[in-house]
Amino acid sequence: QGDREKGNAKTSKQILQSNSSSSPGEKQLMQQQQKTRGKFATSFQCARTLVSSHGISVLYTGHVINTVREAAFVGTYFFCYEGYKTEFRKLLSGVDTLIRGNAVSSNNSHEDAASWSKTLAIPMAGGCSGATAWALTFPLDCVRAGVQGQPISASPGILKKQGALETLKHLLRSKGLMGLYAGVSPSIARAFLVSGSRFSAYEGALWLCRWSGLTSSLNGGRYGE
């Protein structure tokens, strides 16, 4: 458990570090999807035009709010996954016991029950952790989208950018508190499906590495442990 927590902390740190390279991509994406749609044929053209007009710093518009959002999301994401996985395993093991009617079974039956409950707990925990993380950090993502999606002229000139606090105040004045949660339902549904498959793939890849001997196994190399 200690090794897993250290691994999660290391992964979170790596994701936060990679945010420095993801912010320019997010900025280009928002510009191409917002009011500049049709103005740029490719992402490279969008980046080249914006940099030539306003400098390299324009690609890092919203970098601070994006980093804050990523830190909150990643921390919640992995913390909830471990907790959910433990609880779902207990729940599914209890369900298996009820189904079997507390009957005395063979060792193979017990191992099968433990195997399916641990396997099913992974996508369920992954989906719930993704949904929880998105639900808690969605207002930050809404502000980030507002900062990075504000129209920026492709022609040279003085660039007037609205910061995160100004964007937040504008959203609250124009749409109220619920405006920070506009579109949260489809985002949570998508996060559940994506995160469930993501953690299943991760645990499966980890199991294959242990099974093949590429990494050491402290628990017998069972899937999901």
Protein backbone atom coordinates (compact mmCIF):
# COMPACT_ATOMS: atom_id res chain seq x y z
CA GLN A 1 0.00 0.00 0.00
CA GLY A 2 2.86 2.34 0.79
CA ASP A 3 4.48 1.67 -2.60
CA ARG A 4 1.18 2.33 -4.35
CA GLU A 5 0.73 5.67 -2.55
CA LYS A 6 4.27 6.68 -3.50
CA GLY A 7 3.53 5.69 -7.08
CA ASN A 8 0.36 7.76 -7.13
CA ALA A 9 2.22 10.77 -5.72
CA LYS A 10 4.92 10.39 -8.37
CA THR A 11 2.33 10.10 -11.13
CA SER A 12 0.54 13.21 -9.89
CA LYS A 13 3.81 15.14 -9.85
CA GLN A 14 4.60 14.06 -13.42
CA ILE A 15 1.16 15.09 -14.65
CA LEU A 16 1.51 18.52 -13.04
CA GLN A 17 4.93 18.96 -14.61
CA SER A 18 3.56 18.04 -18.02
CA ASN A 19 0.95 20.77 -17.63
CA SER A 20 3.57 23.28 -18.78
CA SER A 21 3.47 21.69 -22.22
CA SER A 22 -0.28 21.07 -22.26
CA SER A 23 -1.31 24.70 -21.69
CA PRO A 24 -0.24 25.87 -25.18
CA GLY A 25 -2.18 22.98 -26.71
CA GLU A 26 -5.26 23.82 -24.67
CA LYS A 27 -4.98 27.44 -25.78
CA GLN A 28 -4.78 26.51 -29.46
CA LEU A 29 -7.71 24.13 -29.08
CA MET A 30 -9.92 26.72 -27.44
CA GLN A 31 -9.07 29.34 -30.07
CA GLN A 32 -9.88 26.99 -32.92
CA GLN A 33 -13.15 25.86 -31.33
CA GLN A 34 -14.39 29.30 -30.31
CA LYS A 35 -14.89 32.48 -32.33
CA THR A 36 -11.82 31.94 -34.49
CA ARG A 37 -13.38 28.82 -36.01
CA GLY A 38 -12.72 28.70 -39.73
CA LYS A 39 -9.95 31.27 -39.49
CA PHE A 40 -7.20 28.67 -39.06
CA ALA A 41 -6.85 25.55 -41.17
CA THR A 42 -4.46 23.71 -38.81
CA SER A 43 -3.20 23.90 -35.23
CA PHE A 44 0.27 24.82 -36.49
CA GLN A 45 -1.14 27.76 -38.44
CA CYS A 46 -3.08 28.89 -35.38
CA ALA A 47 0.00 28.73 -33.14
CA ARG A 48 2.26 30.42 -35.69
CA THR A 49 -0.20 33.27 -36.27
CA LEU A 50 -0.80 33.93 -32.58
CA VAL A 51 2.91 33.80 -31.70
CA SER A 52 3.91 36.09 -34.57
CA SER A 53 1.25 38.60 -33.51
CA HIS A 54 1.48 38.52 -29.73
CA GLY A 55 4.60 36.55 -28.76
CA ILE A 56 5.13 33.13 -27.25
CA SER A 57 3.42 34.11 -23.98
CA VAL A 58 0.02 34.11 -25.69
CA LEU A 59 0.15 30.31 -25.82
CA TYR A 60 0.32 30.24 -22.03
CA THR A 61 -2.87 32.22 -21.53
CA GLY A 62 -4.68 30.64 -18.59
CA HIS A 63 -1.64 28.61 -17.53
CA VAL A 64 -2.10 29.41 -13.83
CA ILE A 65 -5.78 28.46 -13.64
CA ASN A 66 -5.06 25.40 -15.76
CA THR A 67 -2.33 24.29 -13.33
CA VAL A 68 -4.58 24.87 -10.31
CA ARG A 69 -7.34 22.90 -11.97
CA GLU A 70 -4.97 20.03 -12.85
CA ALA A 71 -3.57 19.91 -9.30
CA ALA A 72 -7.05 19.71 -7.77
CA PHE A 73 -8.24 17.18 -10.34
CA VAL A 74 -5.26 14.82 -10.17
CA GLY A 75 -5.14 14.84 -6.38
CA THR A 76 -8.84 14.03 -6.12
CA TYR A 77 -8.63 11.53 -8.98
CA PHE A 78 -6.04 9.17 -7.48
CA PHE A 79 -7.07 9.67 -3.87
CA CYS A 80 -10.66 8.71 -4.63
CA TYR A 81 -9.64 5.77 -6.82
CA GLU A 82 -7.80 3.99 -4.01
CA GLY A 83 -10.62 4.62 -1.56
CA TYR A 84 -13.36 3.58 -3.97
CA LYS A 85 -11.49 0.44 -4.99
CA THR A 86 -11.15 -0.72 -1.40
CA GLU A 87 -14.82 -0.06 -0.63
CA PHE A 88 -16.11 -1.66 -3.85
CA ARG A 89 -14.06 -4.78 -3.14
CA LYS A 90 -15.63 -5.05 0.30
CA LEU A 91 -19.10 -4.45 -1.15
CA LEU A 92 -18.74 -6.97 -3.97
CA SER A 93 -17.26 -9.56 -1.63
CA GLY A 94 -20.30 -9.11 0.61
CA VAL A 95 -22.60 -9.47 -2.38
CA ASP A 96 -20.86 -12.70 -3.34
CA THR A 97 -21.30 -14.00 0.20
CA LEU A 98 -25.04 -13.23 0.09
CA ILE A 99 -25.41 -14.90 -3.29
CA ARG A 100 -23.70 -18.03 -2.06
CA GLY A 101 -25.84 -17.99 1.06
CA ASN A 102 -22.83 -18.23 3.36
CA ALA A 103 -22.34 -21.77 2.14
CA VAL A 104 -19.00 -23.43 2.72
CA SER A 105 -17.21 -23.55 -0.62
CA SER A 106 -13.96 -24.94 -1.91
CA ASN A 107 -10.78 -22.92 -1.97
CA ASN A 108 -11.12 -22.52 -5.74
CA SER A 109 -14.58 -21.04 -5.31
CA HIS A 110 -13.28 -18.55 -2.77
CA GLU A 111 -10.46 -17.58 -5.10
CA ASP A 112 -12.91 -17.16 -7.99
CA ALA A 113 -15.12 -14.93 -5.85
CA ALA A 114 -12.17 -12.83 -4.78
CA SER A 115 -10.98 -12.61 -8.37
CA TRP A 116 -14.23 -11.35 -9.90
CA SER A 117 -14.91 -8.90 -7.09
CA LYS A 118 -11.43 -7.38 -7.36
CA THR A 119 -11.64 -7.23 -11.15
CA LEU A 120 -15.07 -5.60 -11.24
CA ALA A 121 -14.07 -3.13 -8.53
CA ILE A 122 -11.44 -1.59 -10.80
CA PRO A 123 -13.67 -0.08 -13.54
CA MET A 124 -16.29 0.86 -10.96
CA ALA A 125 -13.73 2.65 -8.78
CA GLY A 126 -12.11 4.26 -11.81
CA GLY A 127 -15.42 5.53 -13.14
CA CYS A 128 -16.53 6.91 -9.78
CA SER A 129 -13.18 8.58 -9.14
CA GLY A 130 -13.31 10.29 -12.53
CA ALA A 131 -16.88 11.43 -11.98
CA THR A 132 -16.06 12.72 -8.50
CA ALA A 133 -12.96 14.59 -9.65
CA TRP A 134 -14.82 16.24 -12.53
CA ALA A 135 -17.78 17.18 -10.33
CA LEU A 136 -15.53 18.88 -7.77
CA THR A 137 -13.23 20.67 -10.22
CA PHE A 138 -15.75 21.53 -12.96
CA PRO A 139 -16.08 25.20 -11.86
CA LEU A 140 -12.31 25.58 -12.23
CA ASP A 141 -12.48 24.03 -15.68
CA CYS A 142 -15.31 26.37 -16.59
CA VAL A 143 -13.19 29.38 -15.61
CA ARG A 144 -10.21 27.94 -17.48
CA ALA A 145 -12.30 27.55 -20.62
CA GLY A 146 -13.46 31.15 -20.28
CA VAL A 147 -9.91 32.44 -19.95
CA GLN A 148 -8.45 30.40 -22.79
CA GLY A 149 -11.49 30.76 -25.03
CA GLN A 150 -11.68 34.54 -25.05
CA PRO A 151 -11.27 35.90 -28.58
CA ILE A 152 -7.77 37.01 -29.50
CA SER A 153 -7.15 39.00 -32.65
CA ALA A 154 -4.75 37.44 -35.14
CA SER A 155 -3.50 40.90 -36.13
CA PRO A 156 -0.64 42.53 -34.21
CA GLY A 157 -1.58 44.97 -31.49
CA ILE A 158 -2.05 45.41 -27.79
CA LEU A 159 -3.43 42.21 -26.32
CA LYS A 160 -6.08 42.69 -23.65
CA LYS A 161 -6.65 39.46 -21.77
CA GLN A 162 -9.19 38.79 -19.05
CA GLY A 163 -7.75 36.97 -16.03
CA ALA A 164 -9.26 34.11 -14.09
CA LEU A 165 -10.78 36.32 -11.38
CA GLU A 166 -12.36 38.64 -13.95
CA THR A 167 -13.72 35.64 -15.83
CA LEU A 168 -15.15 34.19 -12.62
CA LYS A 169 -16.85 37.49 -11.73
CA HIS A 170 -18.28 37.78 -15.24
CA LEU A 171 -19.70 34.25 -15.11
CA LEU A 172 -21.28 34.84 -11.70
CA ARG A 173 -22.82 38.13 -12.81
CA SER A 174 -24.16 36.84 -16.12
CA LYS A 175 -25.14 33.26 -15.28
CA GLY A 176 -25.09 32.97 -11.51
CA LEU A 177 -23.56 30.19 -9.46
CA MET A 178 -25.11 27.46 -11.61
CA GLY A 179 -23.32 28.93 -14.61
CA LEU A 180 -20.15 27.34 -13.26
CA TYR A 181 -21.79 23.94 -13.69
CA ALA A 182 -23.18 24.40 -17.20
CA GLY A 183 -22.66 21.13 -19.05
CA VAL A 184 -21.53 19.20 -15.99
CA SER A 185 -23.84 16.19 -16.58
CA PRO A 186 -22.39 15.02 -19.92
CA SER A 187 -18.89 15.72 -18.62
CA ILE A 188 -19.44 13.48 -15.60
CA ALA A 189 -20.98 10.74 -17.76
CA ARG A 190 -18.02 10.89 -20.13
CA ALA A 191 -15.56 10.91 -17.20
CA PHE A 192 -17.13 7.77 -15.74
CA LEU A 193 -16.73 5.81 -18.98
CA VAL A 194 -13.26 7.13 -19.79
CA SER A 195 -11.85 6.71 -16.28
CA GLY A 196 -13.31 3.24 -15.87
CA SER A 197 -11.59 2.04 -19.03
CA ARG A 198 -8.42 3.99 -18.22
CA PHE A 199 -7.84 2.39 -14.83
CA SER A 200 -8.80 -1.03 -16.20
CA ALA A 201 -6.14 -0.64 -18.89
CA TYR A 202 -3.63 0.57 -16.30
CA GLU A 203 -4.23 -2.32 -13.91
CA GLY A 204 -4.20 -4.77 -16.82
CA ALA A 205 -0.87 -3.44 -18.09
CA LEU A 206 0.55 -3.59 -14.57
CA TRP A 207 -0.60 -7.20 -14.22
CA LEU A 208 1.02 -8.13 -17.54
CA CYS A 209 4.30 -6.54 -16.45
CA ARG A 210 4.26 -8.51 -13.21
CA TRP A 211 3.20 -11.72 -14.92
CA SER A 212 5.98 -11.42 -17.50
CA GLY A 213 8.57 -10.64 -14.85
CA LEU A 214 9.28 -7.10 -16.03
CA THR A 215 8.47 -5.77 -12.56
CA SER A 216 8.63 -7.32 -9.12
CA SER A 217 5.39 -8.58 -7.60
CA LEU A 218 4.75 -8.21 -3.89
CA ASN A 219 1.32 -9.84 -3.97
CA GLY A 220 1.58 -12.80 -6.29
CA GLY A 221 0.92 -10.82 -9.44
CA ARG A 222 -2.88 -10.82 -9.18
CA TYR A 223 -4.83 -8.42 -11.37
CA GLY A 224 -5.91 -5.27 -9.57
CA GLU A 225 -3.62 -5.57 -6.57
